[in-house]
């Protein structure tokens, strides 16, 4: 991590505040693949700002990501930033680009971050396609870290226990699990899926962990939610494809939107 990356996030935050006409924001949400339609239920849209209007941002390279920051006023009067899309490590733009949105949100005054993603399920015996799962911890197998140098960050509780308890008040049926991140863009092999199950993983994907680490560095409280969009490779006998991921997101958008709206109002 370089000072330039922090400076760029500060410049993006200043531009975001100016474009939104607000001095600060209460919460930020990053919407993963297929989650974009769920954003509509969170609150009244105040403004939408294309990523490319802000310093350091690029348009998303992945289908199912909207490429905008939506400023929303919730029913309780809070102001939320909804990132409709994210940059992934496999795009080759570097770690700083992956976490730039999180650092911008922190610089804009956000203290609570909600990270969502689409994930492969590693426990088909207990998980159904379309189930949201609270992230209780993660395993970082991306080979990357957004922090360099002698900055030591405690990751004992990356994903807030308090926020997970709050979400379970909204929906007591939600399970918790450990999210494993690979670099991508290839899906995992059946052998890798067997390894991850042995290691204690419950969901697998290509995002979230680097953003969570950067958020903790900035002092943000983090909530993570995975949407199980398919069983991991070799667990169902079917090939994996990105369109399936998006279709599950579309099919469950209403439920996810209601869940997020209730959660944001309680944060």
Protein backbone atom coordinates (compact mmCIF):
# COMPACT_ATOMS: atom_id res chain seq x y z
CA UNK A 1 0.00 0.00 0.00
CA UNK A 2 1.40 3.39 -0.88
CA UNK A 3 0.59 6.86 0.29
CA UNK A 4 -0.59 7.60 -3.25
CA UNK A 5 -3.40 5.07 -2.86
CA UNK A 6 -4.62 6.76 0.33
CA UNK A 7 -4.36 10.17 -1.33
CA UNK A 8 -6.34 8.94 -4.33
CA UNK A 9 -9.06 7.58 -2.05
CA UNK A 10 -9.24 10.96 -0.30
CA UNK A 11 -9.63 12.73 -3.64
CA UNK A 12 -12.35 10.29 -4.69
CA UNK A 13 -14.16 10.83 -1.38
CA UNK A 14 -14.07 14.61 -1.84
CA UNK A 15 -15.48 14.24 -5.36
CA UNK A 16 -18.15 11.85 -4.09
CA UNK A 17 -19.26 14.22 -1.33
CA UNK A 18 -19.44 17.07 -3.83
CA UNK A 19 -21.44 15.05 -6.37
CA UNK A 20 -23.85 13.79 -3.70
CA UNK A 21 -24.24 17.15 -1.96
CA UNK A 22 -23.56 15.51 1.40
CA UNK A 23 -20.77 15.93 3.94
CA UNK A 24 -20.69 12.35 5.20
CA UNK A 25 -22.33 8.94 4.90
CA UNK A 26 -23.43 6.37 7.47
CA UNK A 27 -22.91 3.01 5.78
CA UNK A 28 -21.57 1.56 2.54
CA UNK A 29 -22.62 -1.62 0.76
CA UNK A 30 -20.70 -3.40 -1.98
CA UNK A 31 -23.00 -5.46 -4.18
CA UNK A 32 -21.58 -8.67 -5.62
CA UNK A 33 -22.50 -10.53 -8.81
CA UNK A 34 -26.27 -10.85 -9.08
CA UNK A 35 -26.94 -8.63 -6.05
CA UNK A 36 -27.48 -5.39 -8.01
CA UNK A 37 -31.32 -5.70 -8.24
CA UNK A 38 -31.49 -6.03 -4.44
CA UNK A 39 -30.25 -2.45 -4.09
CA UNK A 40 -33.62 -1.09 -5.15
CA UNK A 41 -35.23 -2.09 -1.86
CA UNK A 42 -32.74 -0.38 0.44
CA UNK A 43 -34.08 3.16 0.19
CA UNK A 44 -34.81 6.23 -1.89
CA UNK A 45 -32.18 6.99 -4.51
CA UNK A 46 -30.75 10.48 -4.01
CA UNK A 47 -28.15 10.30 -6.78
CA UNK A 48 -26.26 7.85 -8.98
CA UNK A 49 -22.65 8.57 -9.80
CA UNK A 50 -20.77 6.57 -12.45
CA UNK A 51 -17.53 5.06 -11.18
CA UNK A 52 -15.68 6.72 -14.01
CA UNK A 53 -16.66 10.19 -12.69
CA UNK A 54 -14.51 9.68 -9.59
CA UNK A 55 -10.69 9.57 -9.31
CA UNK A 56 -9.19 6.09 -9.25
CA UNK A 57 -12.29 4.13 -10.27
CA UNK A 58 -12.74 2.05 -13.41
CA UNK A 59 -15.86 0.62 -14.98
CA UNK A 60 -16.52 -2.99 -13.82
CA UNK A 61 -15.30 -5.68 -16.17
CA UNK A 62 -17.79 -8.30 -14.97
CA UNK A 63 -21.37 -8.85 -16.17
CA UNK A 64 -23.91 -8.27 -13.40
CA UNK A 65 -22.04 -5.30 -11.90
CA UNK A 66 -23.63 -1.91 -12.49
CA UNK A 67 -20.63 0.43 -12.47
CA UNK A 68 -22.21 3.17 -10.34
CA UNK A 69 -22.30 4.42 -6.78
CA UNK A 70 -25.88 4.96 -5.68
CA UNK A 71 -26.51 7.39 -2.83
CA UNK A 72 -29.59 6.25 -0.92
CA UNK A 73 -31.67 7.69 1.90
CA UNK A 74 -33.10 4.87 4.02
CA UNK A 75 -36.47 4.87 5.73
CA UNK A 76 -34.73 5.76 9.00
CA UNK A 77 -33.06 8.80 7.45
CA UNK A 78 -29.57 7.33 7.09
CA UNK A 79 -27.46 7.95 4.02
CA UNK A 80 -25.98 4.87 2.42
CA UNK A 81 -23.46 4.43 -0.37
CA UNK A 82 -24.23 1.43 -2.57
CA UNK A 83 -21.38 0.31 -4.80
CA UNK A 84 -23.04 -1.39 -7.76
CA UNK A 85 -20.02 -3.42 -8.77
CA UNK A 86 -16.43 -3.97 -7.71
CA UNK A 87 -12.97 -4.55 -9.15
CA UNK A 88 -11.60 -8.10 -8.85
CA UNK A 89 -7.99 -9.11 -8.43
CA UNK A 90 -8.10 -11.28 -11.56
CA UNK A 91 -8.67 -8.18 -13.71
CA UNK A 92 -4.96 -7.47 -13.33
CA UNK A 93 -5.27 -3.88 -12.05
CA UNK A 94 -3.54 -4.58 -8.74
CA UNK A 95 -4.62 -4.80 -5.12
CA UNK A 96 -5.05 -1.05 -4.61
CA UNK A 97 -7.68 -0.96 -7.37
CA UNK A 98 -9.58 -3.82 -5.69
CA UNK A 99 -9.88 -1.96 -2.37
CA UNK A 100 -10.16 1.59 -3.70
CA UNK A 101 -13.93 1.67 -3.16
CA UNK A 102 -13.58 0.64 0.47
CA UNK A 103 -10.88 3.22 1.11
CA UNK A 104 -12.98 5.89 -0.59
CA UNK A 105 -15.98 5.02 1.59
CA UNK A 106 -13.84 5.23 4.72
CA UNK A 107 -12.43 8.60 3.63
CA UNK A 108 -16.01 9.80 3.04
CA UNK A 109 -16.92 9.13 6.68
CA UNK A 110 -18.43 5.64 6.50
CA UNK A 111 -17.87 3.57 9.65
CA UNK A 112 -19.88 0.44 8.75
CA UNK A 113 -19.33 -1.66 5.62
CA UNK A 114 -21.55 -4.41 4.22
CA UNK A 115 -19.80 -6.71 1.73
CA UNK A 116 -21.93 -9.07 -0.38
CA UNK A 117 -20.86 -11.67 -2.90
CA UNK A 118 -21.97 -14.62 -4.97
CA UNK A 119 -20.28 -17.81 -3.81
CA UNK A 120 -20.01 -21.48 -4.49
CA UNK A 121 -21.35 -23.60 -1.66
CA UNK A 122 -18.99 -26.14 -0.13
CA UNK A 123 -21.61 -27.82 2.07
CA UNK A 124 -24.43 -29.03 -0.19
CA UNK A 125 -25.63 -31.27 2.63
CA UNK A 126 -26.73 -28.14 4.56
CA UNK A 127 -26.76 -25.35 1.93
CA UNK A 128 -29.31 -24.74 -0.78
CA UNK A 129 -28.78 -22.67 -3.90
CA UNK A 130 -30.22 -19.24 -3.15
CA UNK A 131 -29.36 -19.29 0.56
CA UNK A 132 -27.72 -16.20 2.06
CA UNK A 133 -24.96 -17.08 4.56
CA UNK A 134 -23.35 -14.72 7.06
CA UNK A 135 -19.55 -14.68 6.77
CA UNK A 136 -18.06 -15.44 10.17
CA UNK A 137 -14.43 -15.60 9.02
CA UNK A 138 -12.35 -16.01 5.88
CA UNK A 139 -9.37 -17.84 4.41
CA UNK A 140 -7.31 -15.72 2.04
CA UNK A 141 -5.92 -17.86 -0.78
CA UNK A 142 -5.59 -15.00 -3.28
CA UNK A 143 -1.85 -14.69 -2.69
CA UNK A 144 -2.34 -10.94 -2.12
CA UNK A 145 -2.83 -8.45 0.71
CA UNK A 146 -3.83 -4.77 0.49
CA UNK A 147 -1.41 -3.87 3.28
CA UNK A 148 2.36 -3.84 2.96
CA UNK A 149 5.14 -2.87 5.31
CA UNK A 150 5.05 -2.99 9.10
CA UNK A 151 1.35 -2.26 9.50
CA UNK A 152 0.04 -5.13 11.64
CA UNK A 153 -3.75 -5.46 11.71
CA UNK A 154 -5.57 -7.77 14.11
CA UNK A 155 -7.93 -9.97 12.10
CA UNK A 156 -9.30 -11.99 15.02
CA UNK A 157 -12.75 -10.58 14.30
CA UNK A 158 -12.73 -9.38 10.69
CA UNK A 159 -16.50 -9.77 10.41
CA UNK A 160 -18.28 -8.13 13.32
CA UNK A 161 -19.90 -10.49 15.80
CA UNK A 162 -22.22 -7.66 16.84
CA UNK A 163 -23.44 -7.08 13.29
CA UNK A 164 -23.98 -10.80 12.70
CA UNK A 165 -26.15 -10.96 15.82
CA UNK A 166 -28.11 -7.96 14.57
CA UNK A 167 -28.78 -9.67 11.23
CA UNK A 168 -29.97 -12.81 12.98
CA UNK A 169 -32.52 -10.65 14.80
CA UNK A 170 -33.87 -9.77 11.35
CA UNK A 171 -33.68 -13.34 10.02
CA UNK A 172 -32.93 -16.03 12.65
CA UNK A 173 -32.75 -18.71 9.94
CA UNK A 174 -29.45 -17.44 8.50
CA UNK A 175 -26.47 -19.75 8.87
CA UNK A 176 -22.85 -18.65 9.28
CA UNK A 177 -19.80 -19.88 7.41
CA UNK A 178 -16.17 -19.37 6.48
CA UNK A 179 -15.59 -17.74 3.08
CA UNK A 180 -12.55 -18.78 1.06
CA UNK A 181 -11.18 -16.46 -1.62
CA UNK A 182 -9.17 -17.51 -4.66
CA UNK A 183 -7.69 -15.10 -7.18
CA UNK A 184 -9.70 -16.45 -10.15
CA UNK A 185 -10.86 -16.05 -12.83
CA UNK A 186 -10.97 -19.83 -13.24
CA UNK A 187 -13.39 -21.71 -11.05
CA UNK A 188 -11.92 -24.18 -8.60
CA UNK A 189 -11.15 -27.80 -9.44
CA UNK A 190 -12.93 -30.65 -7.63
CA UNK A 191 -9.63 -31.42 -5.85
CA UNK A 192 -9.42 -27.84 -4.62
CA UNK A 193 -13.01 -28.02 -3.39
CA UNK A 194 -12.17 -31.16 -1.40
CA UNK A 195 -9.16 -29.34 0.07
CA UNK A 196 -11.27 -26.35 1.09
CA UNK A 197 -13.83 -28.55 2.80
CA UNK A 198 -11.02 -30.18 4.76
CA UNK A 199 -9.65 -26.76 5.74
CA UNK A 200 -13.02 -25.72 7.14
CA UNK A 201 -14.31 -23.55 4.31
CA UNK A 202 -18.05 -23.21 3.70
CA UNK A 203 -18.24 -20.88 0.68
CA UNK A 204 -15.75 -20.04 -2.06
CA UNK A 205 -15.42 -17.04 -4.36
CA UNK A 206 -13.09 -14.44 -5.88
CA UNK A 207 -13.74 -11.28 -3.86
CA UNK A 208 -14.47 -9.77 -0.44
CA UNK A 209 -11.44 -10.74 1.67
CA UNK A 210 -9.10 -8.01 0.41
CA UNK A 211 -11.86 -5.43 0.87
CA UNK A 212 -12.52 -6.70 4.39
CA UNK A 213 -8.84 -6.41 5.31
CA UNK A 214 -8.64 -2.86 3.96
CA UNK A 215 -11.81 -1.98 5.87
CA UNK A 216 -10.38 -3.26 9.13
CA UNK A 217 -7.20 -1.28 8.49
CA UNK A 218 -9.41 1.81 8.22
CA UNK A 219 -11.27 0.94 11.42
CA UNK A 220 -14.57 0.05 9.77
CA UNK A 221 -16.97 -2.50 11.26
CA UNK A 222 -17.62 -5.17 8.61
CA UNK A 223 -20.60 -7.37 7.82
CA UNK A 224 -20.23 -10.00 5.11
CA UNK A 225 -23.02 -11.93 3.37
CA UNK A 226 -22.57 -14.60 0.69
CA UNK A 227 -25.33 -15.75 -1.62
CA UNK A 228 -24.86 -19.42 -2.47
CA UNK A 229 -25.38 -19.52 -6.24
CA UNK A 230 -24.08 -23.03 -7.04
CA UNK A 231 -22.44 -26.04 -5.41
CA UNK A 232 -18.65 -26.09 -5.66
CA UNK A 233 -16.99 -27.93 -8.55
CA UNK A 234 -17.50 -31.67 -8.41
CA UNK A 235 -20.24 -31.55 -5.78
CA UNK A 236 -23.18 -31.63 -8.20
CA UNK A 237 -21.82 -33.19 -11.38
CA UNK A 238 -22.74 -30.07 -13.35
CA UNK A 239 -20.33 -27.58 -14.99
CA UNK A 240 -20.07 -24.07 -13.54
CA UNK A 241 -20.90 -20.90 -15.44
CA UNK A 242 -21.26 -17.20 -14.63
CA UNK A 243 -24.75 -16.90 -16.11
CA UNK A 244 -25.98 -19.37 -13.49
CA UNK A 245 -24.56 -17.10 -10.80
CA UNK A 246 -26.42 -14.08 -12.19
CA UNK A 247 -29.68 -16.01 -12.61
CA UNK A 248 -29.73 -17.08 -8.96
CA UNK A 249 -29.09 -13.46 -7.98
CA UNK A 250 -32.02 -12.27 -10.06
CA UNK A 251 -34.28 -14.97 -8.63
CA UNK A 252 -33.48 -14.04 -5.04
CA UNK A 253 -33.15 -10.25 -5.48
CA UNK A 254 -36.39 -9.43 -3.69
CA UNK A 255 -35.49 -11.46 -0.60
CA UNK A 256 -31.96 -10.05 -0.51
CA UNK A 257 -33.23 -6.51 -0.89
CA UNK A 258 -35.69 -6.82 1.98
CA UNK A 259 -32.99 -8.38 4.17
CA UNK A 260 -30.46 -5.63 3.42
CA UNK A 261 -33.03 -2.85 3.90
CA UNK A 262 -33.95 -4.14 7.36
CA UNK A 263 -30.30 -4.64 8.30
CA UNK A 264 -29.21 -1.16 7.17
CA UNK A 265 -32.02 0.45 9.17
CA UNK A 266 -30.72 -1.28 12.31
CA UNK A 267 -27.01 -0.60 11.89
